[in-house]
Amino acid sequence: MRFSAILAVSLASLAVAAPAAWAAGAAAITGAGSSFAAPLYEKWGEAALPATGVKLNYQSVGSGAGQKLVLARTVDFGASDAPMTTAKLAAGHLLQFPTAMGAECIAINLPGIASNQLRLSGPVLAAIYEGKITRWNVPEIVGLNPGVTLPDLPIAPVYRADGSGTTFVFTTYLSKVSPDFASSVGAATAVQWPAGTGAKGNAGVAAAVKNTSGGLGYVEAAYALLNHLTITQLQNHDGAFVTPSKETFASAAAHADWVGAKNFAIDLTDQPGAASWPIMSATFVLLPNDAAAKAQSAAVIKLFDWALTNGDKGATDLQYITLPDAVKTAVRGAWKGIGG
């Protein structure tokens, strides 16, 4: 969807939502962007309303659109899984802070294959999305799965058609584990995929995989859970095959170097550790820090302050990993001077 269309949809949605919020006596804030974070922000927004009086209207339009909308000041905050550069943050008068960490899973649709039965590796995934591996029963996949009978079916890879932080994280991972992918495709919120078909949002990719025999796609863990998708094991940095779980997500998150991350822009892909899940990321809020936006930004801070204090269980129930206490303290320190 073109940015102008996204903008029109967002404006129409906000025009409907805002009067209802004010009628209920609540402060209304609008956010847009990451579909990766959408299940979490929707849950936090609903839970926080009685305590904060802040009514959240969130548009799950993808990280790329979220960045554009907050730069245009169409929304009160943007949400992105791809961190902005220091120069872009400064030019846009934005503060960037993390809210949680999450994982991406590989979802498949293969007859007779159960969740966590199939094993895949990063190089094999890269070759699939490069169009070099096209069928499920090729030696590269069979060799990873002794004792598993794989069907003679074409692989139908699905990718995000919209500008997406989920794509940024996935392509960052594939670029780390496959030099050929790094040189031919690279890492970005939107790339020229050599193979596959596109779908909009995590929900769109989840639905496309679920409805396509032989399908494969990368989706945020909450979408895999909520849509009951068949998911795979992955070979991690240490060579171990691991299943996506709270424990493997937490192992990867434990290796995060927050101290060395400028503007909290941390990379959690392909972390070491025998139990670490290899495709992890933080998700970020992009908040205007100029004087004109101070009142609305203060309301955004009020919501996320509640979330960082009270929202851990809601996050873990949706398969997200919560921020360490030291990072929460650093985030609150970064809010000072904006109205928080």
C-alpha atoms as a PDB file:
ATOM      1  CA  MET A   1       0.000   0.000   0.000  1.00  0.00           C
ATOM      2  CA  ARG A   2       1.314   3.424  -0.922  1.00  0.00           C
ATOM      3  CA  PHE A   3       2.110   5.829   1.899  1.00  0.00           C
ATOM      4  CA  SER A   4      -0.632   8.236   0.770  1.00  0.00           C
ATOM      5  CA  ALA A   5      -3.196   5.448   1.086  1.00  0.00           C
ATOM      6  CA  ILE A   6      -1.896   4.455   4.517  1.00  0.00           C
ATOM      7  CA  LEU A   7      -2.068   8.085   5.588  1.00  0.00           C
ATOM      8  CA  ALA A   8      -5.657   8.398   4.385  1.00  0.00           C
ATOM      9  CA  VAL A   9      -6.732   5.215   6.185  1.00  0.00           C
ATOM     10  CA  SER A  10      -4.985   6.312   9.380  1.00  0.00           C
ATOM     11  CA  LEU A  11      -6.552   9.781   9.330  1.00  0.00           C
ATOM     12  CA  ALA A  12     -10.004   8.319   8.758  1.00  0.00           C
ATOM     13  CA  SER A  13      -9.574   5.862  11.615  1.00  0.00           C
ATOM     14  CA  LEU A  14      -8.310   8.522  13.979  1.00  0.00           C
ATOM     15  CA  ALA A  15     -11.178  10.852  13.145  1.00  0.00           C
ATOM     16  CA  VAL A  16     -13.644   8.174  14.237  1.00  0.00           C
ATOM     17  CA  ALA A  17     -11.739   7.014  17.307  1.00  0.00           C
ATOM     18  CA  ALA A  18     -10.779  10.330  18.892  1.00  0.00           C
ATOM     19  CA  PRO A  19     -14.286  11.713  19.633  1.00  0.00           C
ATOM     20  CA  ALA A  20     -15.290   8.464  21.330  1.00  0.00           C
ATOM     21  CA  ALA A  21     -12.203   8.608  23.546  1.00  0.00           C
ATOM     22  CA  TRP A  22     -12.783  12.218  24.568  1.00  0.00           C
ATOM     23  CA  ALA A  23     -16.467  11.522  25.182  1.00  0.00           C
ATOM     24  CA  ALA A  24     -15.412   8.901  27.717  1.00  0.00           C
ATOM     25  CA  GLY A  25     -13.307  11.513  29.509  1.00  0.00           C
ATOM     26  CA  ALA A  26      -9.974  10.008  28.451  1.00  0.00           C
ATOM     27  CA  ALA A  27      -6.921  11.614  26.911  1.00  0.00           C
ATOM     28  CA  ALA A  28      -6.627  10.306  23.352  1.00  0.00           C
ATOM     29  CA  ILE A  29      -3.296   9.336  21.804  1.00  0.00           C
ATOM     30  CA  THR A  30      -2.615   7.837  18.413  1.00  0.00           C
ATOM     31  CA  GLY A  31       0.174   5.515  17.404  1.00  0.00           C
ATOM     32  CA  ALA A  32       1.036   3.647  14.236  1.00  0.00           C
ATOM     33  CA  GLY A  33       3.634   1.289  12.865  1.00  0.00           C
ATOM     34  CA  SER A  34       4.988  -2.092  13.875  1.00  0.00           C
ATOM     35  CA  SER A  35       2.648  -5.032  13.379  1.00  0.00           C
ATOM     36  CA  PHE A  36       5.228  -7.023  15.373  1.00  0.00           C
ATOM     37  CA  ALA A  37       4.291  -4.978  18.470  1.00  0.00           C
ATOM     38  CA  ALA A  38       0.571  -4.581  17.692  1.00  0.00           C
ATOM     39  CA  PRO A  39      -0.735  -7.444  19.892  1.00  0.00           C
ATOM     40  CA  LEU A  40       1.248  -6.073  22.827  1.00  0.00           C
ATOM     41  CA  TYR A  41       0.245  -2.412  22.414  1.00  0.00           C
ATOM     42  CA  GLU A  42      -3.403  -3.347  21.974  1.00  0.00           C
ATOM     43  CA  LYS A  43      -3.307  -5.388  25.178  1.00  0.00           C
ATOM     44  CA  TRP A  44      -1.416  -2.713  27.134  1.00  0.00           C
ATOM     45  CA  GLY A  45      -3.677   0.066  25.857  1.00  0.00           C
ATOM     46  CA  GLU A  46      -6.816  -1.692  27.024  1.00  0.00           C
ATOM     47  CA  ALA A  47      -5.363  -2.682  30.406  1.00  0.00           C
ATOM     48  CA  ALA A  48      -3.879   0.748  31.146  1.00  0.00           C
ATOM     49  CA  LEU A  49      -6.965   2.849  30.381  1.00  0.00           C
ATOM     50  CA  PRO A  50      -8.675   2.618  33.816  1.00  0.00           C
ATOM     51  CA  ALA A  51      -5.490   3.595  35.657  1.00  0.00           C
ATOM     52  CA  THR A  52      -4.095   6.224  33.286  1.00  0.00           C
ATOM     53  CA  GLY A  53      -7.129   7.741  31.581  1.00  0.00           C
ATOM     54  CA  VAL A  54      -5.166   7.505  28.332  1.00  0.00           C
ATOM     55  CA  LYS A  55      -7.076   6.055  25.391  1.00  0.00           C
ATOM     56  CA  LEU A  56      -4.814   4.480  22.742  1.00  0.00           C
ATOM     57  CA  ASN A  57      -5.761   4.153  19.090  1.00  0.00           C
ATOM     58  CA  TYR A  58      -3.059   2.079  17.403  1.00  0.00           C
ATOM     59  CA  GLN A  59      -2.759   1.413  13.667  1.00  0.00           C
ATOM     60  CA  SER A  60      -0.820  -1.716  12.678  1.00  0.00           C
ATOM     61  CA  VAL A  61       0.558  -0.458   9.347  1.00  0.00           C
ATOM     62  CA  GLY A  62       4.177  -1.639   9.457  1.00  0.00           C
ATOM     63  CA  SER A  63       7.375  -0.073  10.776  1.00  0.00           C
ATOM     64  CA  GLY A  64       8.164   1.844   7.596  1.00  0.00           C
ATOM     65  CA  ALA A  65       4.788   3.576   7.602  1.00  0.00           C
ATOM     66  CA  GLY A  66       5.075   4.168  11.345  1.00  0.00           C
ATOM     67  CA  GLN A  67       8.326   6.053  10.859  1.00  0.00           C
ATOM     68  CA  LYS A  68       6.830   8.180   8.062  1.00  0.00           C
ATOM     69  CA  LEU A  69       3.662   8.968   9.996  1.00  0.00           C
ATOM     70  CA  VAL A  70       5.465  10.180  13.122  1.00  0.00           C
ATOM     71  CA  LEU A  71       7.906  12.245  11.059  1.00  0.00           C
ATOM     72  CA  ALA A  72       4.866  13.879   9.432  1.00  0.00           C
ATOM     73  CA  ARG A  73       3.310  14.343  12.924  1.00  0.00           C
ATOM     74  CA  THR A  74       0.178  12.562  11.759  1.00  0.00           C
ATOM     75  CA  VAL A  75       0.350  10.398  14.902  1.00  0.00           C
ATOM     76  CA  ASP A  76       1.548  11.005  18.452  1.00  0.00           C
ATOM     77  CA  PHE A  77       4.099   8.181  18.291  1.00  0.00           C
ATOM     78  CA  GLY A  78       5.528   5.822  15.735  1.00  0.00           C
ATOM     79  CA  ALA A  79       6.424   2.193  16.366  1.00  0.00           C
ATOM     80  CA  SER A  80       9.257   0.406  14.611  1.00  0.00           C
ATOM     81  CA  ASP A  81      11.287  -2.772  14.987  1.00  0.00           C
ATOM     82  CA  ALA A  82      13.985  -1.248  12.786  1.00  0.00           C
ATOM     83  CA  PRO A  83      15.752   1.404  14.873  1.00  0.00           C
ATOM     84  CA  MET A  84      16.237   4.847  13.345  1.00  0.00           C
ATOM     85  CA  THR A  85      19.732   6.250  12.872  1.00  0.00           C
ATOM     86  CA  THR A  86      20.990   8.986  15.168  1.00  0.00           C
ATOM     87  CA  ALA A  87      20.948  11.488  12.296  1.00  0.00           C
ATOM     88  CA  LYS A  88      17.338  10.695  11.360  1.00  0.00           C
ATOM     89  CA  LEU A  89      16.203  10.912  14.980  1.00  0.00           C
ATOM     90  CA  ALA A  90      17.855  14.324  15.357  1.00  0.00           C
ATOM     91  CA  ALA A  91      16.421  15.646  12.096  1.00  0.00           C
ATOM     92  CA  GLY A  92      12.929  14.457  13.034  1.00  0.00           C
ATOM     93  CA  HIS A  93      13.135  15.689  16.656  1.00  0.00           C
ATOM     94  CA  LEU A  94      12.403  12.194  17.931  1.00  0.00           C
ATOM     95  CA  LEU A  95      13.294  10.168  21.004  1.00  0.00           C
ATOM     96  CA  GLN A  96      13.650   6.419  20.471  1.00  0.00           C
ATOM     97  CA  PHE A  97      13.106   3.959  23.292  1.00  0.00           C
ATOM     98  CA  PRO A  98      12.448   0.192  23.513  1.00  0.00           C
ATOM     99  CA  THR A  99       9.310  -1.277  25.040  1.00  0.00           C
ATOM    100  CA  ALA A 100       9.912  -5.029  24.846  1.00  0.00           C
ATOM    101  CA  MET A 101      11.789  -7.742  23.010  1.00  0.00           C
ATOM    102  CA  GLY A 102      10.273 -10.382  20.804  1.00  0.00           C
ATOM    103  CA  ALA A 103      11.051 -13.216  18.448  1.00  0.00           C
ATOM    104  CA  GLU A 104      10.282 -14.168  14.896  1.00  0.00           C
ATOM    105  CA  CYS A 105       9.308 -17.742  14.086  1.00  0.00           C
ATOM    106  CA  ILE A 106       9.361 -19.661  10.844  1.00  0.00           C
ATOM    107  CA  ALA A 107       5.858 -20.840  10.011  1.00  0.00           C
ATOM    108  CA  ILE A 108       5.220 -23.648   7.524  1.00  0.00           C
ATOM    109  CA  ASN A 109       2.307 -25.507   5.975  1.00  0.00           C
ATOM    110  CA  LEU A 110       3.403 -29.068   5.224  1.00  0.00           C
ATOM    111  CA  PRO A 111       1.088 -32.105   5.236  1.00  0.00           C
ATOM    112  CA  GLY A 112       1.987 -34.551   7.996  1.00  0.00           C
ATOM    113  CA  ILE A 113       4.542 -32.270   9.684  1.00  0.00           C
ATOM    114  CA  ALA A 114       3.825 -31.146  13.248  1.00  0.00           C
ATOM    115  CA  SER A 115       5.041 -28.030  15.051  1.00  0.00           C
ATOM    116  CA  ASN A 116       8.723 -28.173  16.013  1.00  0.00           C
ATOM    117  CA  GLN A 117       9.227 -31.405  14.069  1.00  0.00           C
ATOM    118  CA  LEU A 118      11.042 -29.853  11.111  1.00  0.00           C
ATOM    119  CA  ARG A 119      14.585 -28.490  11.432  1.00  0.00           C
ATOM    120  CA  LEU A 120      15.894 -25.617   9.337  1.00  0.00           C
ATOM    121  CA  SER A 121      19.097 -23.587   9.316  1.00  0.00           C
ATOM    122  CA  GLY A 122      19.844 -19.973   8.492  1.00  0.00           C
ATOM    123  CA  PRO A 123      21.754 -20.771   5.291  1.00  0.00           C
ATOM    124  CA  VAL A 124      18.884 -22.997   4.079  1.00  0.00           C
ATOM    125  CA  LEU A 125      16.350 -20.219   4.785  1.00  0.00           C
ATOM    126  CA  ALA A 126      18.534 -17.760   2.890  1.00  0.00           C
ATOM    127  CA  ALA A 127      18.751 -20.120  -0.086  1.00  0.00           C
ATOM    128  CA  ILE A 128      14.951 -20.568  -0.077  1.00  0.00           C
ATOM    129  CA  TYR A 129      14.358 -16.809  -0.199  1.00  0.00           C
ATOM    130  CA  GLU A 130      17.033 -16.460  -2.892  1.00  0.00           C
ATOM    131  CA  GLY A 131      15.162 -19.008  -5.012  1.00  0.00           C
ATOM    132  CA  LYS A 132      18.024 -21.526  -4.881  1.00  0.00           C
ATOM    133  CA  ILE A 133      16.121 -24.163  -2.881  1.00  0.00           C
ATOM    134  CA  THR A 134      12.653 -24.656  -4.329  1.00  0.00           C
ATOM    135  CA  ARG A 135      11.314 -28.031  -3.090  1.00  0.00           C
ATOM    136  CA  TRP A 136      10.857 -29.500   0.364  1.00  0.00           C
ATOM    137  CA  ASN A 137      12.536 -32.848  -0.280  1.00  0.00           C
ATOM    138  CA  VAL A 138      15.924 -31.542  -1.481  1.00  0.00           C
ATOM    139  CA  PRO A 139      19.106 -32.961   0.129  1.00  0.00           C
ATOM    140  CA  GLU A 140      19.841 -29.685   1.993  1.00  0.00           C
ATOM    141  CA  ILE A 141      16.599 -30.015   3.995  1.00  0.00           C
ATOM    142  CA  VAL A 142      16.476 -33.824   4.167  1.00  0.00           C
ATOM    143  CA  GLY A 143      19.988 -33.821   5.641  1.00  0.00           C
ATOM    144  CA  LEU A 144      18.836 -31.662   8.555  1.00  0.00           C
ATOM    145  CA  ASN A 145      15.864 -33.948   9.249  1.00  0.00           C
ATOM    146  CA  PRO A 146      16.856 -37.622   9.595  1.00  0.00           C
ATOM    147  CA  GLY A 147      13.825 -39.841  10.016  1.00  0.00           C
ATOM    148  CA  VAL A 148      11.359 -37.210   8.766  1.00  0.00           C
ATOM    149  CA  THR A 149       9.546 -37.940   5.503  1.00  0.00           C
ATOM    150  CA  LEU A 150       9.352 -34.715   3.537  1.00  0.00           C
ATOM    151  CA  PRO A 151       6.779 -34.283   0.751  1.00  0.00           C
ATOM    152  CA  ASP A 152       7.724 -33.659  -2.857  1.00  0.00           C
ATOM    153  CA  LEU A 153       6.142 -30.204  -2.843  1.00  0.00           C
ATOM    154  CA  PRO A 154       7.284 -26.815  -4.100  1.00  0.00           C
ATOM    155  CA  ILE A 155       8.280 -24.380  -1.357  1.00  0.00           C
ATOM    156  CA  ALA A 156       6.073 -21.281  -1.399  1.00  0.00           C
ATOM    157  CA  PRO A 157       7.971 -18.577   0.523  1.00  0.00           C
ATOM    158  CA  VAL A 158       5.968 -15.586   1.758  1.00  0.00           C
ATOM    159  CA  TYR A 159       7.513 -12.218   2.605  1.00  0.00           C
ATOM    160  CA  ARG A 160       6.248  -8.868   3.857  1.00  0.00           C
ATOM    161  CA  ALA A 161       4.985  -6.677   1.025  1.00  0.00           C
ATOM    162  CA  ASP A 162       5.003  -3.531   3.177  1.00  0.00           C
ATOM    163  CA  GLY A 163       7.957  -1.674   4.682  1.00  0.00           C
ATOM    164  CA  SER A 164       8.533  -3.748   7.765  1.00  0.00           C
ATOM    165  CA  GLY A 165      10.735  -3.927  10.834  1.00  0.00           C
ATOM    166  CA  THR A 166      10.010  -7.659  10.861  1.00  0.00           C
ATOM    167  CA  THR A 167      11.649  -7.839   7.433  1.00  0.00           C
ATOM    168  CA  PHE A 168      14.557  -5.711   8.668  1.00  0.00           C
ATOM    169  CA  VAL A 169      15.205  -8.160  11.513  1.00  0.00           C
ATOM    170  CA  PHE A 170      14.791 -11.245   9.302  1.00  0.00           C
ATOM    171  CA  THR A 171      17.063  -9.940   6.550  1.00  0.00           C
ATOM    172  CA  THR A 172      19.624  -8.806   9.147  1.00  0.00           C
ATOM    173  CA  TYR A 173      19.695 -12.382  10.433  1.00  0.00           C
ATOM    174  CA  LEU A 174      19.942 -13.919   6.954  1.00  0.00           C
ATOM    175  CA  SER A 175      22.728 -11.478   6.043  1.00  0.00           C
ATOM    176  CA  LYS A 176      24.702 -12.603   9.105  1.00  0.00           C
ATOM    177  CA  VAL A 177      24.432 -16.316   8.358  1.00  0.00           C
ATOM    178  CA  SER A 178      24.723 -16.141   4.548  1.00  0.00           C
ATOM    179  CA  PRO A 179      27.362 -13.930   2.899  1.00  0.00           C
ATOM    180  CA  ASP A 180      25.704 -14.582  -0.456  1.00  0.00           C
ATOM    181  CA  PHE A 181      22.363 -13.274   0.821  1.00  0.00           C
ATOM    182  CA  ALA A 182      24.123 -10.248   2.315  1.00  0.00           C
ATOM    183  CA  SER A 183      25.648  -9.332  -1.045  1.00  0.00           C
ATOM    184  CA  SER A 184      22.685 -10.181  -3.285  1.00  0.00           C
ATOM    185  CA  VAL A 185      19.718  -9.042  -1.151  1.00  0.00           C
ATOM    186  CA  GLY A 186      20.958  -7.326   2.005  1.00  0.00           C
ATOM    187  CA  ALA A 187      19.183  -6.076   5.125  1.00  0.00           C
ATOM    188  CA  ALA A 188      16.451  -3.409   5.052  1.00  0.00           C
ATOM    189  CA  THR A 189      12.803  -2.829   5.900  1.00  0.00           C
ATOM    190  CA  ALA A 190      12.002  -3.553   2.240  1.00  0.00           C
ATOM    191  CA  VAL A 191      14.199  -5.542  -0.179  1.00  0.00           C
ATOM    192  CA  GLN A 192      13.954  -6.971  -3.672  1.00  0.00           C
ATOM    193  CA  TRP A 193      13.128 -10.592  -2.938  1.00  0.00           C
ATOM    194  CA  PRO A 194      14.357 -13.016  -5.617  1.00  0.00           C
ATOM    195  CA  ALA A 195      11.604 -15.529  -4.776  1.00  0.00           C
ATOM    196  CA  GLY A 196       8.212 -15.758  -3.120  1.00  0.00           C
ATOM    197  CA  THR A 197       5.031 -13.723  -2.831  1.00  0.00           C
ATOM    198  CA  GLY A 198       4.225 -10.749  -0.624  1.00  0.00           C
ATOM    199  CA  ALA A 199       1.581 -10.240   2.060  1.00  0.00           C
ATOM    200  CA  LYS A 200       0.777  -7.210   4.185  1.00  0.00           C
ATOM    201  CA  GLY A 201       1.620  -7.277   7.895  1.00  0.00           C
ATOM    202  CA  ASN A 202       2.422 -10.165  10.199  1.00  0.00           C
ATOM    203  CA  ALA A 203      -1.239 -11.139  10.056  1.00  0.00           C
ATOM    204  CA  GLY A 204      -1.128 -11.250   6.252  1.00  0.00           C
ATOM    205  CA  VAL A 205       1.968 -13.457   6.177  1.00  0.00           C
ATOM    206  CA  ALA A 206       0.451 -15.766   8.809  1.00  0.00           C
ATOM    207  CA  ALA A 207      -2.758 -16.108   6.787  1.00  0.00           C
ATOM    208  CA  ALA A 208      -0.902 -16.667   3.497  1.00  0.00           C
ATOM    209  CA  VAL A 209       1.207 -19.468   4.977  1.00  0.00           C
ATOM    210  CA  LYS A 210      -1.796 -21.067   6.650  1.00  0.00           C
ATOM    211  CA  ASN A 211      -3.707 -21.100   3.355  1.00  0.00           C
ATOM    212  CA  THR A 212      -0.874 -22.264   1.051  1.00  0.00           C
ATOM    213  CA  SER A 213       0.234 -25.888   0.838  1.00  0.00           C
ATOM    214  CA  GLY A 214       4.028 -25.870   0.988  1.00  0.00           C
ATOM    215  CA  GLY A 215       4.028 -22.345   2.411  1.00  0.00           C
ATOM    216  CA  LEU A 216       6.799 -20.852   4.547  1.00  0.00           C
ATOM    217  CA  GLY A 217       7.041 -17.418   6.119  1.00  0.00           C
ATOM    218  CA  TYR A 218       8.568 -15.353   8.930  1.00  0.00           C
ATOM    219  CA  VAL A 219       6.133 -14.076  11.552  1.00  0.00           C
ATOM    220  CA  GLU A 220       6.237 -12.572  15.016  1.00  0.00           C
ATOM    221  CA  ALA A 221       5.829 -15.199  17.744  1.00  0.00           C
ATOM    222  CA  ALA A 222       2.480 -13.846  18.998  1.00  0.00           C
ATOM    223  CA  TYR A 223       0.972 -14.203  15.517  1.00  0.00           C
ATOM    224  CA  ALA A 224       2.217 -17.780  15.268  1.00  0.00           C
ATOM    225  CA  LEU A 225       0.690 -18.514  18.673  1.00  0.00           C
ATOM    226  CA  LEU A 226      -2.648 -16.764  18.065  1.00  0.00           C
ATOM    227  CA  ASN A 227      -3.077 -18.319  14.602  1.00  0.00           C
ATOM    228  CA  HIS A 228      -2.019 -21.816  15.692  1.00  0.00           C
ATOM    229  CA  LEU A 229       0.618 -21.997  12.981  1.00  0.00           C
ATOM    230  CA  THR A 230       2.965 -24.932  12.480  1.00  0.00           C
ATOM    231  CA  ILE A 231       6.444 -23.675  13.367  1.00  0.00           C
ATOM    232  CA  THR A 232       9.957 -25.059  12.963  1.00  0.00           C
ATOM    233  CA  GLN A 233      13.134 -25.533  14.917  1.00  0.00           C
ATOM    234  CA  LEU A 234      16.132 -23.427  13.893  1.00  0.00           C
ATOM    235  CA  GLN A 235      19.852 -24.030  14.137  1.00  0.00           C
ATOM    236  CA  ASN A 236      21.369 -21.283  16.272  1.00  0.00           C
ATOM    237  CA  HIS A 237      24.725 -19.512  16.477  1.00  0.00           C
ATOM    238  CA  ASP A 238      26.235 -22.357  18.529  1.00  0.00           C
ATOM    239  CA  GLY A 239      25.009 -25.029  16.103  1.00  0.00           C
ATOM    240  CA  ALA A 240      22.207 -26.343  18.319  1.00  0.00           C
ATOM    241  CA  PHE A 241      18.678 -26.874  17.018  1.00  0.00           C
ATOM    242  CA  VAL A 242      16.253 -24.986  19.257  1.00  0.00           C
ATOM    243  CA  THR A 243      12.499 -24.551  19.404  1.00  0.00           C
ATOM    244  CA  PRO A 244      10.862 -21.130  19.804  1.00  0.00           C
ATOM    245  CA  SER A 245       9.873 -20.746  23.461  1.00  0.00           C
ATOM    246  CA  LYS A 246      10.027 -18.267  26.335  1.00  0.00           C
ATOM    247  CA  GLU A 247      13.197 -20.003  27.505  1.00  0.00           C
ATOM    248  CA  THR A 248      15.063 -19.763  24.189  1.00  0.00           C
ATOM    249  CA  PHE A 249      13.892 -16.175  23.692  1.00  0.00           C
ATOM    250  CA  ALA A 250      15.101 -15.272  27.190  1.00  0.00           C
ATOM    251  CA  SER A 251      18.487 -16.908  26.529  1.00  0.00           C
ATOM    252  CA  ALA A 252      19.038 -14.726  23.456  1.00  0.00           C
ATOM    253  CA  ALA A 253      17.803 -11.604  25.260  1.00  0.00           C
ATOM    254  CA  ALA A 254      20.241 -12.238  28.115  1.00  0.00           C
ATOM    255  CA  HIS A 255      23.162 -11.592  25.738  1.00  0.00           C
ATOM    256  CA  ALA A 256      21.924  -8.118  24.815  1.00  0.00           C
ATOM    257  CA  ASP A 257      24.554  -5.365  25.083  1.00  0.00           C
ATOM    258  CA  TRP A 258      22.314  -2.464  26.084  1.00  0.00           C
ATOM    259  CA  VAL A 259      25.222  -0.448  27.454  1.00  0.00           C
ATOM    260  CA  GLY A 260      26.852  -0.203  24.031  1.00  0.00           C
ATOM    261  CA  ALA A 261      23.619   0.528  22.144  1.00  0.00           C
ATOM    262  CA  LYS A 262      23.299   4.209  21.182  1.00  0.00           C
ATOM    263  CA  ASN A 263      19.668   5.387  21.301  1.00  0.00           C
ATOM    264  CA  PHE A 264      18.869   1.846  22.522  1.00  0.00           C
ATOM    265  CA  ALA A 265      19.390   0.547  18.943  1.00  0.00           C
ATOM    266  CA  ILE A 266      20.357  -3.008  19.826  1.00  0.00           C
ATOM    267  CA  ASP A 267      20.832  -5.972  17.483  1.00  0.00           C
ATOM    268  CA  LEU A 268      19.626  -9.278  18.983  1.00  0.00           C
ATOM    269  CA  THR A 269      19.931 -11.547  15.935  1.00  0.00           C
ATOM    270  CA  ASP A 270      22.178 -14.650  15.955  1.00  0.00           C
ATOM    271  CA  GLN A 271      23.137 -14.322  19.622  1.00  0.00           C
ATOM    272  CA  PRO A 272      25.489 -16.895  21.193  1.00  0.00           C
ATOM    273  CA  GLY A 273      24.350 -19.545  23.661  1.00  0.00           C
ATOM    274  CA  ALA A 274      23.373 -23.171  23.201  1.00  0.00           C
ATOM    275  CA  ALA A 275      19.772 -22.371  24.191  1.00  0.00           C
ATOM    276  CA  SER A 276      19.401 -19.054  22.297  1.00  0.00           C
ATOM    277  CA  TRP A 277      16.732 -18.507  19.649  1.00  0.00           C
ATOM    278  CA  PRO A 278      18.460 -16.886  16.634  1.00  0.00           C
ATOM    279  CA  ILE A 279      15.856 -14.368  15.348  1.00  0.00           C
ATOM    280  CA  MET A 280      15.163 -11.820  18.089  1.00  0.00           C
ATOM    281  CA  SER A 281      14.692  -8.072  18.198  1.00  0.00           C
ATOM    282  CA  ALA A 282      13.647  -5.191  20.368  1.00  0.00           C
ATOM    283  CA  THR A 283      10.695  -3.069  19.337  1.00  0.00           C
ATOM    284  CA  PHE A 284      10.830   0.718  19.646  1.00  0.00           C
ATOM    285  CA  VAL A 285       8.605   3.748  20.161  1.00  0.00           C
ATOM    286  CA  LEU A 286       9.497   6.917  18.252  1.00  0.00           C
ATOM    287  CA  LEU A 287       8.326   9.911  20.258  1.00  0.00           C
ATOM    288  CA  PRO A 288       8.383  13.600  19.242  1.00  0.00           C
ATOM    289  CA  ASN A 289      10.499  15.610  21.688  1.00  0.00           C
ATOM    290  CA  ASP A 290       9.871  19.134  20.390  1.00  0.00           C
ATOM    291  CA  ALA A 291       7.908  21.719  22.379  1.00  0.00           C
ATOM    292  CA  ALA A 292       4.857  21.594  20.116  1.00  0.00           C
ATOM    293  CA  ALA A 293       4.307  17.909  20.878  1.00  0.00           C
ATOM    294  CA  LYS A 294       4.992  18.095  24.628  1.00  0.00           C
ATOM    295  CA  ALA A 295       1.431  17.577  25.901  1.00  0.00           C
ATOM    296  CA  GLN A 296       0.666  14.572  23.690  1.00  0.00           C
ATOM    297  CA  SER A 297       4.113  13.085  24.262  1.00  0.00           C
ATOM    298  CA  ALA A 298       3.515  13.331  28.008  1.00  0.00           C
ATOM    299  CA  ALA A 299       0.337  11.287  27.565  1.00  0.00           C
ATOM    300  CA  VAL A 300       2.260   8.690  25.539  1.00  0.00           C
ATOM    301  CA  ILE A 301       4.848   8.514  28.313  1.00  0.00           C
ATOM    302  CA  LYS A 302       2.095   8.075  30.913  1.00  0.00           C
ATOM    303  CA  LEU A 303       0.797   5.027  29.035  1.00  0.00           C
ATOM    304  CA  PHE A 304       4.201   3.393  28.562  1.00  0.00           C
ATOM    305  CA  ASP A 305       5.268   4.178  32.124  1.00  0.00           C
ATOM    306  CA  TRP A 306       2.237   2.179  33.251  1.00  0.00           C
ATOM    307  CA  ALA A 307       3.199  -0.589  30.821  1.00  0.00           C
ATOM    308  CA  LEU A 308       6.799  -0.815  32.023  1.00  0.00           C
ATOM    309  CA  THR A 309       5.557  -0.965  35.619  1.00  0.00           C
ATOM    310  CA  ASN A 310       2.496  -3.195  35.268  1.00  0.00           C
ATOM    311  CA  GLY A 311       2.606  -4.802  31.839  1.00  0.00           C
ATOM    312  CA  ASP A 312       5.191  -7.575  32.177  1.00  0.00           C
ATOM    313  CA  LYS A 313       2.694 -10.408  32.579  1.00  0.00           C
ATOM    314  CA  GLY A 314       0.666  -9.256  29.602  1.00  0.00           C
ATOM    315  CA  ALA A 315       3.860  -9.189  27.543  1.00  0.00           C
ATOM    316  CA  THR A 316       5.049 -12.646  28.558  1.00  0.00           C
ATOM    317  CA  ASP A 317       1.579 -14.105  27.954  1.00  0.00           C
ATOM    318  CA  LEU A 318       2.016 -13.023  24.317  1.00  0.00           C
ATOM    319  CA  GLN A 319       5.555 -14.503  24.055  1.00  0.00           C
ATOM    320  CA  TYR A 320       7.400 -11.175  24.350  1.00  0.00           C
ATOM    321  CA  ILE A 321      10.444 -10.754  26.593  1.00  0.00           C
ATOM    322  CA  THR A 322      10.316  -7.853  29.028  1.00  0.00           C
ATOM    323  CA  LEU A 323      13.066  -5.277  29.392  1.00  0.00           C
ATOM    324  CA  PRO A 324      15.609  -5.642  32.200  1.00  0.00           C
ATOM    325  CA  ASP A 325      15.031  -3.287  35.129  1.00  0.00           C
ATOM    326  CA  ALA A 326      18.212  -1.347  34.306  1.00  0.00           C
ATOM    327  CA  VAL A 327      16.920  -0.664  30.775  1.00  0.00           C
ATOM    328  CA  LYS A 328      13.542   0.445  32.116  1.00  0.00           C
ATOM    329  CA  THR A 329      15.378   2.898  34.383  1.00  0.00           C
ATOM    330  CA  ALA A 330      17.404   4.177  31.423  1.00  0.00           C
ATOM    331  CA  VAL A 331      14.227   4.634  29.374  1.00  0.00           C
ATOM    332  CA  ARG A 332      12.625   6.676  32.147  1.00  0.00           C
ATOM    333  CA  GLY A 333      15.768   8.788  32.305  1.00  0.00           C
ATOM    334  CA  ALA A 334      15.519   9.462  28.572  1.00  0.00           C
ATOM    335  CA  TRP A 335      11.945  10.732  29.025  1.00  0.00           C
ATOM    336  CA  LYS A 336      13.038  13.628  31.229  1.00  0.00           C
ATOM    337  CA  GLY A 337      12.521  16.986  29.599  1.00  0.00           C
ATOM    338  CA  ILE A 338       9.649  15.803  27.387  1.00  0.00           C
ATOM    339  CA  GLY A 339       6.960  16.078  30.025  1.00  0.00           C
ATOM    340  CA  GLY A 340       7.347  12.668  31.657  1.00  0.00           C
END
